[in-house]
Amino acid sequence: MPTGATARFPRTRPVAGKSVSLRPLERSDQAALLEFFKRLPVDERRMLKDDVTNPLVLSSWCTSIDYERVLPLLAFDGPRIIGDATLHRSGGGWSQHVAKVRVTIDTEWRRRGLGRALVTELIDTALELKVSMVDAEIMTEQKGALKLFDQLGFVAVATLPQHVLDLNHQAHDLVLLSRTLIPPEQLSPDAFHDEHIDVGGGG
C-alpha cells in the first residue's frame, strides 16, 4: 500500500484529450528517462541542473530512490515518458517547512496542460505532506516555465544575478518563485522532520 509521498499514485489525468498516466520514478525507468531527456533541444538541456544525458547521473537517480526526500513524478503516454517533475523536501534545519519543485516537459506536449497537471499534482502532494511553502528556481530565459508558475499562483520573490552556470559554464540570472500552501505559523510541531537532509537529484 503506497504511503506518504506516493499515496496519491499511480493515477491518470486527462491532458489534451488523452489519458496520461502519472507515477513515481522506478529503478526500471532509466532507459526510458534517458530517451526522454535526449529528445529535449540541446540548448534546453544545458540549462538543467544536471547533465541528464549522462547515464551515471540517471543511474544514481534510479538506484537511490527515497520518495520521502525527493519525489520524482513521471508522466507517460503509453510506454513513453513525456514529462518529469520533482518535489524536493528538506529534512531539517531552518528550511524544513519548504520544498522545491522542478518540471521538464517533452517538446511535443508543451502548451497542452501537461506541465500544469504535473505541478498541480506535486502541490497537492505537498499539501498532504504538510509542506508550508513550495519554491521554484527558474532562469530568466525560461519564459515558458516562468509563465506556468505565475499562472499557478507562484510569486517572484527575488532575482539573483548570475547565480547559475549552465552546462556550458555561461552565467544566467535566477528567479526565485514561491507559493505559500500553509502559513508557517499554522504548522503543528509534528509536521516537521527530525533529521537534517539535503538531497539533490531529479530533472
Protein backbone atom coordinates (compact mmCIF):
# COMPACT_ATOMS: atom_id res chain seq x y z
CA MET A 1 0.00 0.00 0.00
CA PRO A 2 1.54 3.35 -1.03
CA THR A 3 2.11 5.72 1.87
CA GLY A 4 3.47 9.20 2.44
CA ALA A 5 4.70 10.95 -0.68
CA THR A 6 3.46 8.21 -3.03
CA ALA A 7 -0.02 7.74 -1.57
CA ARG A 8 -1.69 9.56 -4.49
CA PHE A 9 -0.14 7.42 -7.21
CA PRO A 10 -0.35 5.80 -9.69
CA ARG A 11 -3.18 7.76 -11.27
CA THR A 12 -4.33 9.02 -14.66
CA ARG A 13 -5.28 12.53 -15.75
CA PRO A 14 -6.89 13.79 -18.94
CA VAL A 15 -4.48 16.06 -20.80
CA ALA A 16 -5.27 17.48 -24.24
CA GLY A 17 -7.93 14.84 -24.87
CA LYS A 18 -5.68 11.92 -23.90
CA SER A 19 -5.35 9.87 -20.74
CA VAL A 20 -1.88 10.42 -19.27
CA SER A 21 -0.51 8.07 -16.62
CA LEU A 22 1.33 9.51 -13.62
CA ARG A 23 3.51 7.56 -11.24
CA PRO A 24 6.78 7.93 -9.31
CA LEU A 25 10.13 7.04 -10.84
CA GLU A 26 11.14 3.37 -10.58
CA ARG A 27 14.52 1.67 -10.96
CA SER A 28 13.46 0.20 -14.32
CA ASP A 29 12.81 3.65 -15.85
CA GLN A 30 16.42 4.58 -16.54
CA ALA A 31 16.48 3.79 -20.28
CA ALA A 32 13.13 5.46 -20.96
CA LEU A 33 14.16 8.50 -18.92
CA LEU A 34 17.38 8.83 -20.92
CA GLU A 35 15.39 8.76 -24.17
CA PHE A 36 13.06 11.42 -22.79
CA PHE A 37 15.91 13.78 -21.98
CA LYS A 38 17.67 13.11 -25.30
CA ARG A 39 14.56 14.38 -27.12
CA LEU A 40 14.94 17.80 -25.48
CA PRO A 41 16.68 20.51 -27.52
CA VAL A 42 20.37 20.79 -26.70
CA ASP A 43 20.02 24.45 -25.70
CA GLU A 44 17.40 23.46 -23.12
CA ARG A 45 19.35 20.52 -21.72
CA ARG A 46 22.32 22.72 -20.93
CA MET A 47 20.11 24.81 -18.64
CA LEU A 48 19.06 21.86 -16.48
CA LYS A 49 20.67 21.41 -13.09
CA ASP A 50 22.37 18.13 -14.04
CA ASP A 51 23.79 16.53 -17.19
CA VAL A 52 20.68 14.47 -17.89
CA THR A 53 22.23 12.60 -20.84
CA ASN A 54 24.95 11.15 -18.61
CA PRO A 55 23.92 7.54 -17.82
CA LEU A 56 25.77 7.75 -14.50
CA VAL A 57 23.57 10.65 -13.39
CA LEU A 58 20.36 8.80 -14.28
CA SER A 59 21.67 5.61 -12.71
CA SER A 60 22.22 7.43 -9.43
CA TRP A 61 18.64 8.74 -9.52
CA CYS A 62 17.16 5.34 -10.26
CA THR A 63 19.19 3.42 -7.70
CA SER A 64 18.97 5.94 -4.85
CA ILE A 65 15.22 6.47 -4.74
CA ASP A 66 13.84 7.90 -1.48
CA TYR A 67 10.35 9.25 -2.10
CA GLU A 68 10.18 10.97 1.28
CA ARG A 69 13.14 13.16 0.34
CA VAL A 70 12.75 13.57 -3.43
CA LEU A 71 9.56 12.55 -5.23
CA PRO A 72 10.26 12.23 -9.00
CA LEU A 73 6.90 12.09 -10.79
CA LEU A 74 6.80 10.82 -14.37
CA ALA A 75 4.06 11.30 -16.97
CA PHE A 76 3.53 8.60 -19.60
CA ASP A 77 1.82 8.47 -22.97
CA GLY A 78 1.70 4.69 -23.24
CA PRO A 79 5.25 3.46 -22.50
CA ARG A 80 6.82 6.80 -23.46
CA ILE A 81 7.88 9.30 -20.79
CA ILE A 82 6.56 12.75 -21.72
CA GLY A 83 7.11 14.67 -18.51
CA ASP A 84 9.30 14.68 -15.40
CA ALA A 85 8.58 16.72 -12.28
CA THR A 86 10.23 16.50 -8.86
CA LEU A 87 9.34 17.60 -5.36
CA HIS A 88 12.43 18.11 -3.17
CA ARG A 89 11.93 18.22 0.60
CA SER A 90 14.35 19.37 3.28
CA GLY A 91 14.58 17.08 6.26
CA GLY A 92 15.67 19.60 8.86
CA GLY A 93 17.19 22.99 9.52
CA TRP A 94 15.62 26.37 9.03
CA SER A 95 14.00 25.48 5.66
CA GLN A 96 12.42 22.22 6.77
CA HIS A 97 8.94 23.61 6.01
CA VAL A 98 9.90 24.47 2.40
CA ALA A 99 10.00 22.22 -0.67
CA LYS A 100 11.25 22.85 -4.20
CA VAL A 101 9.63 21.78 -7.43
CA ARG A 102 11.15 21.28 -10.88
CA VAL A 103 9.43 20.28 -14.11
CA THR A 104 10.54 19.26 -17.62
CA ILE A 105 8.10 18.57 -20.45
CA ASP A 106 8.53 16.83 -23.82
CA THR A 107 8.50 19.45 -26.58
CA GLU A 108 5.51 17.75 -28.27
CA TRP A 109 3.45 18.10 -25.09
CA ARG A 110 4.05 21.75 -24.27
CA ARG A 111 1.20 24.26 -24.18
CA ARG A 112 -1.22 21.33 -23.76
CA GLY A 113 -1.63 21.45 -20.00
CA LEU A 114 0.81 18.72 -19.01
CA GLY A 115 3.17 20.98 -17.09
CA ARG A 116 0.23 22.44 -15.16
CA ALA A 117 -1.06 18.92 -14.39
CA LEU A 118 2.31 17.73 -13.06
CA VAL A 119 3.00 20.77 -10.90
CA THR A 120 -0.57 20.66 -9.56
CA GLU A 121 -0.09 17.03 -8.57
CA LEU A 122 3.09 17.91 -6.70
CA ILE A 123 1.40 20.84 -4.96
CA ASP A 124 -1.46 18.58 -3.86
CA THR A 125 1.09 16.04 -2.62
CA ALA A 126 2.97 18.77 -0.75
CA LEU A 127 -0.25 19.83 0.96
CA GLU A 128 -0.90 16.28 2.11
CA LEU A 129 2.65 16.16 3.47
CA LYS A 130 2.07 19.42 5.41
CA VAL A 131 4.65 21.35 3.39
CA SER A 132 4.23 25.04 4.11
CA MET A 133 5.86 26.69 1.09
CA VAL A 134 6.86 25.49 -2.38
CA ASP A 135 9.63 27.23 -4.32
CA ALA A 136 10.76 27.08 -7.93
CA GLU A 137 14.06 28.32 -9.34
CA ILE A 138 13.89 29.41 -12.98
CA MET A 139 16.40 31.10 -15.25
CA THR A 140 15.19 34.39 -16.73
CA GLU A 141 15.45 32.90 -20.24
CA GLN A 142 12.96 30.13 -19.41
CA LYS A 143 9.91 32.21 -20.30
CA GLY A 144 7.51 29.29 -20.63
CA ALA A 145 8.32 27.99 -17.15
CA LEU A 146 8.02 31.47 -15.65
CA LYS A 147 4.58 31.87 -17.20
CA LEU A 148 3.45 28.44 -15.98
CA PHE A 149 4.42 29.06 -12.36
CA ASP A 150 2.90 32.56 -12.44
CA GLN A 151 -0.40 31.04 -13.59
CA LEU A 152 -0.23 28.53 -10.74
CA GLY A 153 -0.01 31.24 -8.10
CA PHE A 154 3.74 31.42 -7.60
CA VAL A 155 5.17 34.88 -6.92
CA ALA A 156 8.64 36.05 -7.94
CA VAL A 157 10.31 37.00 -4.67
CA ALA A 158 13.86 37.61 -5.88
CA THR A 159 16.11 37.73 -8.93
CA LEU A 160 19.66 36.62 -8.24
CA PRO A 161 22.08 37.98 -10.89
CA GLN A 162 24.43 35.42 -12.46
CA HIS A 163 23.64 32.78 -9.83
CA VAL A 164 23.51 29.92 -12.33
CA LEU A 165 26.22 28.46 -14.54
CA ASP A 166 24.75 26.25 -17.25
CA LEU A 167 26.48 23.13 -18.52
CA ASN A 168 28.46 25.33 -20.93
CA HIS A 169 29.60 27.46 -17.98
CA GLN A 170 27.65 30.51 -19.14
CA ALA A 171 26.14 32.64 -16.37
CA HIS A 172 22.41 33.32 -16.06
CA ASP A 173 20.16 35.24 -13.71
CA LEU A 174 17.99 33.09 -11.44
CA VAL A 175 14.40 33.95 -10.50
CA LEU A 176 13.16 32.55 -7.19
CA LEU A 177 9.40 31.99 -7.16
CA SER A 178 7.38 30.88 -4.15
CA ARG A 179 3.85 29.85 -3.24
CA THR A 180 2.58 29.55 0.32
CA LEU A 181 0.38 26.50 0.87
CA ILE A 182 0.06 26.62 4.65
CA PRO A 183 1.15 29.69 6.64
CA PRO A 184 4.18 28.56 8.67
CA GLU A 185 2.61 29.72 11.94
CA GLN A 186 -0.25 27.27 11.37
CA LEU A 187 2.01 24.22 11.18
CA SER A 188 1.92 21.85 14.11
CA PRO A 189 5.25 20.62 15.55
CA ASP A 190 4.69 17.09 14.20
CA ALA A 191 4.72 18.48 10.65
CA PHE A 192 8.49 18.85 10.84
CA HIS A 193 11.22 16.28 10.28
CA ASP A 194 13.72 15.34 12.95
CA GLU A 195 16.80 14.73 10.85
CA HIS A 196 18.74 17.10 8.61
CA ILE A 197 18.72 16.10 4.95
CA ASP A 198 19.99 17.93 1.90
CA VAL A 199 19.43 15.80 -1.17
CA GLY A 200 19.60 16.60 -4.90
CA GLY A 201 18.52 14.65 -7.98
CA GLY A 202 15.74 14.88 -10.48
CA GLY A 203 15.49 16.73 -13.73
